[in-house]
Amino acid sequence: MIDIRCLCLGVLSLGDATGYEIRKRLKDSFGPYQGMSYGALYPALAKLLAAAEIESLDGDKVSALDKRTYRLTEKGRESLHYSLIRAKGQEQTRSEFLAAMFFADMLDRDTLDRLVDERLAESRGVLAHFQTYRGSPPTEGQRFVARFGQVMARAAIDFLQGEGRAIVNAIERDRKAR
């Protein structure tokens, strides 16, 4: 399973990094598709340290508030590999936008317009992010993720520009007909 621990191991397979750098690399590589809070990141790193899947290059001499640089261990590399070969071809999405749109008939036109506009803006930002993505050095996998992100963002933009506006108008027509 690709969880937060696996993502940390994956980033560290590309080179040593601090917690801040791990989070930044994930955001740079995946945009909004793999967000991670510091509140989830540091407990995951602590578990990886305890399991000897990563090591701190700073040893025990740093306090909890100091930056630590982490390195992947051989055990961590094996764990990463095992997680990747068990990965499934599915996505898990939690979307406030889709939940709100499911109940669109309960919302006023201004709220619907705002939701569609915000989602359009976010999709345009995702597209821009993946259009400027530059891995160093870019691998075929990294190029795939960038292209996939672009395709998904373009599809969302096209859909929202057409169907997003259409639902607002359809709901208004239904309200007037009542």
C-alpha atoms as a PDB file:
ATOM      1  CA  MET A   1       0.000   0.000   0.000  1.00  0.00           C
ATOM      2  CA  ILE A   2       1.260   3.476  -0.881  1.00  0.00           C
ATOM      3  CA  ASP A   3       0.845   5.328   2.385  1.00  0.00           C
ATOM      4  CA  ILE A   4       2.670   8.250   3.942  1.00  0.00           C
ATOM      5  CA  ARG A   5       5.504   6.029   5.127  1.00  0.00           C
ATOM      6  CA  CYS A   6       5.965   4.623   1.625  1.00  0.00           C
ATOM      7  CA  LEU A   7       5.985   8.141   0.162  1.00  0.00           C
ATOM      8  CA  CYS A   8       8.705   9.173   2.626  1.00  0.00           C
ATOM      9  CA  LEU A   9      10.760   6.120   1.673  1.00  0.00           C
ATOM     10  CA  GLY A  10      10.236   6.918  -2.001  1.00  0.00           C
ATOM     11  CA  VAL A  11      11.457  10.483  -1.626  1.00  0.00           C
ATOM     12  CA  LEU A  12      14.460   9.322   0.380  1.00  0.00           C
ATOM     13  CA  SER A  13      15.290   6.807  -2.368  1.00  0.00           C
ATOM     14  CA  LEU A  14      16.092   9.878  -4.473  1.00  0.00           C
ATOM     15  CA  GLY A  15      18.521  11.246  -1.874  1.00  0.00           C
ATOM     16  CA  ASP A  16      18.921  12.342   1.716  1.00  0.00           C
ATOM     17  CA  ALA A  17      16.452  14.967   2.909  1.00  0.00           C
ATOM     18  CA  THR A  18      15.026  16.769   5.916  1.00  0.00           C
ATOM     19  CA  GLY A  19      11.334  16.479   6.773  1.00  0.00           C
ATOM     20  CA  TYR A  20      10.706  19.862   5.179  1.00  0.00           C
ATOM     21  CA  GLU A  21      12.493  18.748   1.990  1.00  0.00           C
ATOM     22  CA  ILE A  22      10.510  15.499   1.861  1.00  0.00           C
ATOM     23  CA  ARG A  23       7.226  17.408   1.999  1.00  0.00           C
ATOM     24  CA  LYS A  24       8.430  19.940  -0.582  1.00  0.00           C
ATOM     25  CA  ARG A  25       9.630  17.231  -2.978  1.00  0.00           C
ATOM     26  CA  LEU A  26       6.255  15.499  -2.791  1.00  0.00           C
ATOM     27  CA  LYS A  27       4.435  18.744  -3.484  1.00  0.00           C
ATOM     28  CA  ASP A  28       6.825  19.582  -6.338  1.00  0.00           C
ATOM     29  CA  SER A  29       6.456  16.128  -7.873  1.00  0.00           C
ATOM     30  CA  PHE A  30       2.750  15.428  -7.390  1.00  0.00           C
ATOM     31  CA  GLY A  31       1.167  18.842  -6.918  1.00  0.00           C
ATOM     32  CA  PRO A  32      -2.141  18.488  -5.086  1.00  0.00           C
ATOM     33  CA  TYR A  33      -2.350  14.735  -5.684  1.00  0.00           C
ATOM     34  CA  GLN A  34      -0.136  13.806  -2.742  1.00  0.00           C
ATOM     35  CA  GLY A  35      -0.467  16.401  -0.026  1.00  0.00           C
ATOM     36  CA  MET A  36       1.005  15.720   3.373  1.00  0.00           C
ATOM     37  CA  SER A  37       0.781  17.744   6.553  1.00  0.00           C
ATOM     38  CA  TYR A  38       3.680  18.098   8.957  1.00  0.00           C
ATOM     39  CA  GLY A  39       1.362  16.607  11.565  1.00  0.00           C
ATOM     40  CA  ALA A  40       1.334  13.365   9.564  1.00  0.00           C
ATOM     41  CA  LEU A  41       4.890  13.552   8.228  1.00  0.00           C
ATOM     42  CA  TYR A  42       6.893  13.647  11.453  1.00  0.00           C
ATOM     43  CA  PRO A  43       5.089  10.750  13.178  1.00  0.00           C
ATOM     44  CA  ALA A  44       5.650   8.707   9.994  1.00  0.00           C
ATOM     45  CA  LEU A  45       9.354   9.577  10.052  1.00  0.00           C
ATOM     46  CA  ALA A  46       9.532   8.596  13.733  1.00  0.00           C
ATOM     47  CA  LYS A  47       7.999   5.196  12.906  1.00  0.00           C
ATOM     48  CA  LEU A  48      10.411   4.708  10.012  1.00  0.00           C
ATOM     49  CA  LEU A  49      13.328   5.536  12.315  1.00  0.00           C
ATOM     50  CA  ALA A  50      12.060   3.114  14.962  1.00  0.00           C
ATOM     51  CA  ALA A  51      11.716   0.397  12.315  1.00  0.00           C
ATOM     52  CA  ALA A  52      15.275   1.119  11.067  1.00  0.00           C
ATOM     53  CA  GLU A  53      13.922   1.811   7.573  1.00  0.00           C
ATOM     54  CA  ILE A  54      15.569   5.236   7.654  1.00  0.00           C
ATOM     55  CA  GLU A  55      18.369   6.698   9.703  1.00  0.00           C
ATOM     56  CA  SER A  56      19.102  10.180  10.947  1.00  0.00           C
ATOM     57  CA  LEU A  57      22.419  11.472   9.687  1.00  0.00           C
ATOM     58  CA  ASP A  58      22.515  13.796  12.682  1.00  0.00           C
ATOM     59  CA  GLY A  59      22.352  10.970  15.203  1.00  0.00           C
ATOM     60  CA  ASP A  60      20.820  11.675  18.599  1.00  0.00           C
ATOM     61  CA  LYS A  61      22.571  15.014  19.083  1.00  0.00           C
ATOM     62  CA  VAL A  62      19.724  17.132  17.736  1.00  0.00           C
ATOM     63  CA  SER A  63      16.683  18.196  19.721  1.00  0.00           C
ATOM     64  CA  ALA A  64      13.152  17.548  18.564  1.00  0.00           C
ATOM     65  CA  LEU A  65      12.948  21.070  17.095  1.00  0.00           C
ATOM     66  CA  ASP A  66      16.181  20.872  15.110  1.00  0.00           C
ATOM     67  CA  LYS A  67      16.269  19.798  11.483  1.00  0.00           C
ATOM     68  CA  ARG A  68      17.265  16.219  10.940  1.00  0.00           C
ATOM     69  CA  THR A  69      18.522  14.847   7.674  1.00  0.00           C
ATOM     70  CA  TYR A  70      17.244  11.382   6.887  1.00  0.00           C
ATOM     71  CA  ARG A  71      18.692   8.598   4.755  1.00  0.00           C
ATOM     72  CA  LEU A  72      17.063   5.455   3.438  1.00  0.00           C
ATOM     73  CA  THR A  73      18.488   2.197   4.809  1.00  0.00           C
ATOM     74  CA  GLU A  74      18.641  -1.113   2.957  1.00  0.00           C
ATOM     75  CA  LYS A  75      15.707  -2.310   5.047  1.00  0.00           C
ATOM     76  CA  GLY A  76      13.787   0.796   3.978  1.00  0.00           C
ATOM     77  CA  ARG A  77      14.660   0.203   0.329  1.00  0.00           C
ATOM     78  CA  GLU A  78      13.256  -3.343   0.620  1.00  0.00           C
ATOM     79  CA  SER A  79      10.108  -2.060   2.333  1.00  0.00           C
ATOM     80  CA  LEU A  80       9.631   0.546  -0.396  1.00  0.00           C
ATOM     81  CA  HIS A  81      10.026  -2.070  -3.109  1.00  0.00           C
ATOM     82  CA  TYR A  82       7.535  -4.382  -1.404  1.00  0.00           C
ATOM     83  CA  SER A  83       4.987  -1.558  -1.061  1.00  0.00           C
ATOM     84  CA  LEU A  84       5.389  -0.544  -4.692  1.00  0.00           C
ATOM     85  CA  ILE A  85       4.892  -4.044  -6.079  1.00  0.00           C
ATOM     86  CA  ARG A  86       1.714  -4.380  -3.975  1.00  0.00           C
ATOM     87  CA  ALA A  87       0.310  -1.027  -5.182  1.00  0.00           C
ATOM     88  CA  LYS A  88      -3.079  -1.092  -6.830  1.00  0.00           C
ATOM     89  CA  GLY A  89      -4.204   0.750  -9.938  1.00  0.00           C
ATOM     90  CA  GLN A  90      -6.834   2.729  -8.079  1.00  0.00           C
ATOM     91  CA  GLU A  91      -7.065   6.203  -6.677  1.00  0.00           C
ATOM     92  CA  GLN A  92      -8.585   7.363  -3.441  1.00  0.00           C
ATOM     93  CA  THR A  93     -10.134  10.779  -3.681  1.00  0.00           C
ATOM     94  CA  ARG A  94     -11.817  12.864  -1.034  1.00  0.00           C
ATOM     95  CA  SER A  95     -13.403  15.881  -2.597  1.00  0.00           C
ATOM     96  CA  GLU A  96     -15.306  18.602  -0.787  1.00  0.00           C
ATOM     97  CA  PHE A  97     -16.206  19.928  -4.229  1.00  0.00           C
ATOM     98  CA  LEU A  98     -17.873  16.674  -5.345  1.00  0.00           C
ATOM     99  CA  ALA A  99     -19.657  16.263  -2.018  1.00  0.00           C
ATOM    100  CA  ALA A 100     -21.072  19.793  -2.280  1.00  0.00           C
ATOM    101  CA  MET A 101     -22.008  19.326  -5.941  1.00  0.00           C
ATOM    102  CA  PHE A 102     -23.845  16.100  -5.110  1.00  0.00           C
ATOM    103  CA  PHE A 103     -26.229  18.277  -3.129  1.00  0.00           C
ATOM    104  CA  ALA A 104     -26.130  21.163  -5.626  1.00  0.00           C
ATOM    105  CA  ASP A 105     -29.907  21.451  -5.682  1.00  0.00           C
ATOM    106  CA  MET A 106     -29.706  22.656  -2.066  1.00  0.00           C
ATOM    107  CA  LEU A 107     -27.314  25.503  -2.908  1.00  0.00           C
ATOM    108  CA  ASP A 108     -27.964  28.971  -4.243  1.00  0.00           C
ATOM    109  CA  ARG A 109     -26.587  30.145  -7.599  1.00  0.00           C
ATOM    110  CA  ASP A 110     -23.840  32.303  -6.059  1.00  0.00           C
ATOM    111  CA  THR A 111     -22.504  29.349  -4.060  1.00  0.00           C
ATOM    112  CA  LEU A 112     -22.611  27.063  -7.097  1.00  0.00           C
ATOM    113  CA  ASP A 113     -20.827  29.648  -9.229  1.00  0.00           C
ATOM    114  CA  ARG A 114     -18.211  30.088  -6.507  1.00  0.00           C
ATOM    115  CA  LEU A 115     -17.638  26.334  -6.211  1.00  0.00           C
ATOM    116  CA  VAL A 116     -17.241  25.885  -9.964  1.00  0.00           C
ATOM    117  CA  ASP A 117     -14.967  28.942 -10.215  1.00  0.00           C
ATOM    118  CA  GLU A 118     -12.770  27.749  -7.334  1.00  0.00           C
ATOM    119  CA  ARG A 119     -12.469  24.262  -8.817  1.00  0.00           C
ATOM    120  CA  LEU A 120     -11.638  25.738 -12.240  1.00  0.00           C
ATOM    121  CA  ALA A 121      -8.935  27.923 -10.691  1.00  0.00           C
ATOM    122  CA  GLU A 122      -7.493  24.956  -8.817  1.00  0.00           C
ATOM    123  CA  SER A 123      -7.492  22.808 -11.978  1.00  0.00           C
ATOM    124  CA  ARG A 124      -5.751  25.572 -13.920  1.00  0.00           C
ATOM    125  CA  GLY A 125      -3.141  25.786 -11.159  1.00  0.00           C
ATOM    126  CA  VAL A 126      -2.600  22.024 -11.300  1.00  0.00           C
ATOM    127  CA  LEU A 127      -2.176  22.208 -15.074  1.00  0.00           C
ATOM    128  CA  ALA A 128       0.362  25.016 -14.745  1.00  0.00           C
ATOM    129  CA  HIS A 129       2.220  23.069 -12.059  1.00  0.00           C
ATOM    130  CA  PHE A 130       2.588  19.971 -14.199  1.00  0.00           C
ATOM    131  CA  GLN A 131       3.442  21.968 -17.330  1.00  0.00           C
ATOM    132  CA  THR A 132       6.434  23.459 -15.548  1.00  0.00           C
ATOM    133  CA  TYR A 133       7.463  20.242 -13.767  1.00  0.00           C
ATOM    134  CA  ARG A 134      11.120  19.478 -14.118  1.00  0.00           C
ATOM    135  CA  GLY A 135      12.507  16.479 -12.317  1.00  0.00           C
ATOM    136  CA  SER A 136      16.234  16.349 -11.933  1.00  0.00           C
ATOM    137  CA  PRO A 137      17.032  14.218 -13.699  1.00  0.00           C
ATOM    138  CA  PRO A 138      13.590  13.413 -15.043  1.00  0.00           C
ATOM    139  CA  THR A 139      12.881   9.709 -15.201  1.00  0.00           C
ATOM    140  CA  GLU A 140      10.262   8.057 -17.369  1.00  0.00           C
ATOM    141  CA  GLY A 141       8.116   7.606 -14.259  1.00  0.00           C
ATOM    142  CA  GLN A 142       8.411  11.298 -13.375  1.00  0.00           C
ATOM    143  CA  ARG A 143       7.541  12.305 -16.936  1.00  0.00           C
ATOM    144  CA  PHE A 144       4.531   9.961 -16.810  1.00  0.00           C
ATOM    145  CA  VAL A 145       3.256  11.616 -13.620  1.00  0.00           C
ATOM    146  CA  ALA A 146       3.678  15.082 -15.146  1.00  0.00           C
ATOM    147  CA  ARG A 147       1.825  14.097 -18.324  1.00  0.00           C
ATOM    148  CA  PHE A 148      -0.914  12.287 -16.369  1.00  0.00           C
ATOM    149  CA  GLY A 149      -1.386  15.352 -14.164  1.00  0.00           C
ATOM    150  CA  GLN A 150      -1.702  17.557 -17.239  1.00  0.00           C
ATOM    151  CA  VAL A 151      -4.286  15.284 -18.871  1.00  0.00           C
ATOM    152  CA  MET A 152      -6.369  15.072 -15.691  1.00  0.00           C
ATOM    153  CA  ALA A 153      -6.259  18.838 -15.182  1.00  0.00           C
ATOM    154  CA  ARG A 154      -7.203  19.563 -18.804  1.00  0.00           C
ATOM    155  CA  ALA A 155     -10.117  17.121 -18.599  1.00  0.00           C
ATOM    156  CA  ALA A 156     -11.342  18.764 -15.379  1.00  0.00           C
ATOM    157  CA  ILE A 157     -11.090  22.230 -16.942  1.00  0.00           C
ATOM    158  CA  ASP A 158     -12.985  21.156 -20.070  1.00  0.00           C
ATOM    159  CA  PHE A 159     -15.693  19.440 -18.024  1.00  0.00           C
ATOM    160  CA  LEU A 160     -16.133  22.326 -15.602  1.00  0.00           C
ATOM    161  CA  GLN A 161     -16.304  24.928 -18.352  1.00  0.00           C
ATOM    162  CA  GLY A 162     -19.141  22.997 -19.978  1.00  0.00           C
ATOM    163  CA  GLU A 163     -20.940  20.861 -17.413  1.00  0.00           C
ATOM    164  CA  GLY A 164     -20.097  23.045 -14.428  1.00  0.00           C
ATOM    165  CA  ARG A 165     -21.978  25.938 -15.937  1.00  0.00           C
ATOM    166  CA  ALA A 166     -24.720  23.692 -17.293  1.00  0.00           C
ATOM    167  CA  ILE A 167     -25.647  22.336 -13.857  1.00  0.00           C
ATOM    168  CA  VAL A 168     -25.972  25.846 -12.454  1.00  0.00           C
ATOM    169  CA  ASN A 169     -28.334  26.791 -15.289  1.00  0.00           C
ATOM    170  CA  ALA A 170     -30.295  23.513 -15.030  1.00  0.00           C
ATOM    171  CA  ILE A 171     -30.853  23.963 -11.299  1.00  0.00           C
ATOM    172  CA  GLU A 172     -32.029  27.531 -11.875  1.00  0.00           C
ATOM    173  CA  ARG A 173     -34.492  26.301 -14.522  1.00  0.00           C
ATOM    174  CA  ASP A 174     -35.807  23.600 -12.149  1.00  0.00           C
ATOM    175  CA  ARG A 175     -36.323  26.162  -9.384  1.00  0.00           C
ATOM    176  CA  LYS A 176     -38.247  28.494 -11.652  1.00  0.00           C
ATOM    177  CA  ALA A 177     -40.433  25.601 -12.859  1.00  0.00           C
ATOM    178  CA  ARG A 178     -41.527  24.755  -9.290  1.00  0.00           C
END
